[in-house]
Amino acid sequence: MTTRTIAGIVALLLLQGCSTAPRFEQNFGASVRANVAAQTIDPRGAANANPAAGIDGPAARAAHERYQQSFIQPGSAASAPLLNTLGSVK
């Protein structure tokens, strides 16, 4: 093979990467859009100007602080194992 033939083959292989794939690109992202739409309870929910009914501000803040403190000061651990993996009881 000559250098010219090899260069031509390499050029054709490189140009192959520039081709389009309209069959694959036609529905690109359709499954993601369908899953997002399936998980949306109310598509018009962002336009709702009424606030959500729920807990008042001070109670929500106190609940959040208790939740955060539960990670800093965890509760007492059980003294005996709940599951013995060796099969014998001590």
C-alpha atoms as a PDB file:
ATOM      1  CA  MET A   1       0.000   0.000   0.000  1.00  0.00           C
ATOM      2  CA  THR A   2       1.213   3.404  -0.823  1.00  0.00           C
ATOM      3  CA  THR A   3       1.283   6.367   1.493  1.00  0.00           C
ATOM      4  CA  ARG A   4      -1.394   8.016  -0.589  1.00  0.00           C
ATOM      5  CA  THR A   5      -3.763   5.055  -0.211  1.00  0.00           C
ATOM      6  CA  ILE A   6      -3.209   4.864   3.544  1.00  0.00           C
ATOM      7  CA  ALA A   7      -3.793   8.613   3.877  1.00  0.00           C
ATOM      8  CA  GLY A   8      -7.021   8.289   1.892  1.00  0.00           C
ATOM      9  CA  ILE A   9      -8.279   5.449   4.082  1.00  0.00           C
ATOM     10  CA  VAL A  10      -7.420   7.386   7.252  1.00  0.00           C
ATOM     11  CA  ALA A  11      -9.204  10.468   5.895  1.00  0.00           C
ATOM     12  CA  LEU A  12     -12.318   8.420   5.106  1.00  0.00           C
ATOM     13  CA  LEU A  13     -12.301   6.874   8.584  1.00  0.00           C
ATOM     14  CA  LEU A  14     -11.970  10.302  10.192  1.00  0.00           C
ATOM     15  CA  LEU A  15     -14.811  11.699   8.090  1.00  0.00           C
ATOM     16  CA  GLN A  16     -16.977   8.760   9.156  1.00  0.00           C
ATOM     17  CA  GLY A  17     -17.061  10.260  12.670  1.00  0.00           C
ATOM     18  CA  CYS A  18     -18.615  13.468  11.306  1.00  0.00           C
ATOM     19  CA  SER A  19     -21.695  11.720   9.954  1.00  0.00           C
ATOM     20  CA  THR A  20     -25.030  12.282  11.651  1.00  0.00           C
ATOM     21  CA  ALA A  21     -27.325   9.704  13.156  1.00  0.00           C
ATOM     22  CA  PRO A  22     -30.819  11.159  12.671  1.00  0.00           C
ATOM     23  CA  ARG A  23     -32.466   7.896  13.652  1.00  0.00           C
ATOM     24  CA  PHE A  24     -30.934   8.069  17.139  1.00  0.00           C
ATOM     25  CA  GLU A  25     -31.185  11.840  17.551  1.00  0.00           C
ATOM     26  CA  GLN A  26     -34.872  11.950  16.681  1.00  0.00           C
ATOM     27  CA  ASN A  27     -36.045  10.745  20.114  1.00  0.00           C
ATOM     28  CA  PHE A  28     -33.023  11.841  22.148  1.00  0.00           C
ATOM     29  CA  GLY A  29     -34.150  12.718  25.680  1.00  0.00           C
ATOM     30  CA  ALA A  30     -37.735  11.558  25.219  1.00  0.00           C
ATOM     31  CA  SER A  31     -37.483   8.971  27.996  1.00  0.00           C
ATOM     32  CA  VAL A  32     -36.135  11.555  30.450  1.00  0.00           C
ATOM     33  CA  ARG A  33     -38.910  13.998  29.586  1.00  0.00           C
ATOM     34  CA  ALA A  34     -41.513  11.237  29.978  1.00  0.00           C
ATOM     35  CA  ASN A  35     -40.153  10.230  33.402  1.00  0.00           C
ATOM     36  CA  VAL A  36     -40.082  13.839  34.629  1.00  0.00           C
ATOM     37  CA  ALA A  37     -43.656  14.351  33.448  1.00  0.00           C
ATOM     38  CA  ALA A  38     -44.752  11.130  35.158  1.00  0.00           C
ATOM     39  CA  GLN A  39     -43.281  12.294  38.484  1.00  0.00           C
ATOM     40  CA  THR A  40     -44.933  15.713  38.416  1.00  0.00           C
ATOM     41  CA  ILE A  41     -48.069  15.747  40.560  1.00  0.00           C
ATOM     42  CA  ASP A  42     -49.425  19.101  39.409  1.00  0.00           C
ATOM     43  CA  PRO A  43     -47.870  20.611  36.264  1.00  0.00           C
ATOM     44  CA  ARG A  44     -49.523  23.948  37.050  1.00  0.00           C
ATOM     45  CA  GLY A  45     -48.290  23.962  40.654  1.00  0.00           C
ATOM     46  CA  ALA A  46     -45.704  26.701  40.092  1.00  0.00           C
ATOM     47  CA  ALA A  47     -48.467  29.124  39.104  1.00  0.00           C
ATOM     48  CA  ASN A  48     -50.301  28.578  42.422  1.00  0.00           C
ATOM     49  CA  ALA A  49     -49.958  31.758  44.495  1.00  0.00           C
ATOM     50  CA  ASN A  50     -51.461  30.226  47.660  1.00  0.00           C
ATOM     51  CA  PRO A  51     -48.879  29.061  50.193  1.00  0.00           C
ATOM     52  CA  ALA A  52     -48.869  25.448  51.211  1.00  0.00           C
ATOM     53  CA  ALA A  53     -50.818  24.676  54.360  1.00  0.00           C
ATOM     54  CA  GLY A  54     -48.598  23.280  57.065  1.00  0.00           C
ATOM     55  CA  ILE A  55     -46.649  24.022  60.206  1.00  0.00           C
ATOM     56  CA  ASP A  56     -45.951  27.583  61.378  1.00  0.00           C
ATOM     57  CA  GLY A  57     -42.464  29.097  61.214  1.00  0.00           C
ATOM     58  CA  PRO A  58     -41.306  28.824  64.860  1.00  0.00           C
ATOM     59  CA  ALA A  59     -42.472  25.211  65.141  1.00  0.00           C
ATOM     60  CA  ALA A  60     -40.775  24.326  61.857  1.00  0.00           C
ATOM     61  CA  ARG A  61     -37.524  25.949  63.012  1.00  0.00           C
ATOM     62  CA  ALA A  62     -37.636  24.043  66.323  1.00  0.00           C
ATOM     63  CA  ALA A  63     -38.315  20.757  64.531  1.00  0.00           C
ATOM     64  CA  HIS A  64     -35.433  21.387  62.148  1.00  0.00           C
ATOM     65  CA  GLU A  65     -33.056  22.220  65.009  1.00  0.00           C
ATOM     66  CA  ARG A  66     -34.052  19.021  66.854  1.00  0.00           C
ATOM     67  CA  TYR A  67     -33.446  17.091  63.648  1.00  0.00           C
ATOM     68  CA  GLN A  68     -29.983  18.622  63.236  1.00  0.00           C
ATOM     69  CA  GLN A  69     -29.119  17.967  66.907  1.00  0.00           C
ATOM     70  CA  SER A  70     -30.050  14.300  66.503  1.00  0.00           C
ATOM     71  CA  PHE A  71     -26.938  13.851  64.358  1.00  0.00           C
ATOM     72  CA  ILE A  72     -24.655  15.657  66.813  1.00  0.00           C
ATOM     73  CA  GLN A  73     -25.944  13.876  69.944  1.00  0.00           C
ATOM     74  CA  PRO A  74     -27.263  10.470  68.898  1.00  0.00           C
ATOM     75  CA  GLY A  75     -29.464   8.501  71.267  1.00  0.00           C
ATOM     76  CA  SER A  76     -28.165   5.672  73.441  1.00  0.00           C
ATOM     77  CA  ALA A  77     -27.094   2.558  71.607  1.00  0.00           C
ATOM     78  CA  ALA A  78     -28.461  -0.860  72.482  1.00  0.00           C
ATOM     79  CA  SER A  79     -26.209  -2.768  74.885  1.00  0.00           C
ATOM     80  CA  ALA A  80     -26.828  -6.208  73.370  1.00  0.00           C
ATOM     81  CA  PRO A  81     -26.503  -7.075  69.696  1.00  0.00           C
ATOM     82  CA  LEU A  82     -29.809  -7.588  67.968  1.00  0.00           C
ATOM     83  CA  LEU A  83     -28.441 -10.272  65.682  1.00  0.00           C
ATOM     84  CA  ASN A  84     -25.740 -12.773  66.460  1.00  0.00           C
ATOM     85  CA  THR A  85     -24.041 -13.805  63.224  1.00  0.00           C
ATOM     86  CA  LEU A  86     -21.852 -16.540  64.777  1.00  0.00           C
ATOM     87  CA  GLY A  87     -24.771 -18.635  65.979  1.00  0.00           C
ATOM     88  CA  SER A  88     -23.906 -18.721  69.686  1.00  0.00           C
ATOM     89  CA  VAL A  89     -25.478 -16.629  72.425  1.00  0.00           C
ATOM     90  CA  LYS A  90     -23.294 -15.143  75.140  1.00  0.00           C
END
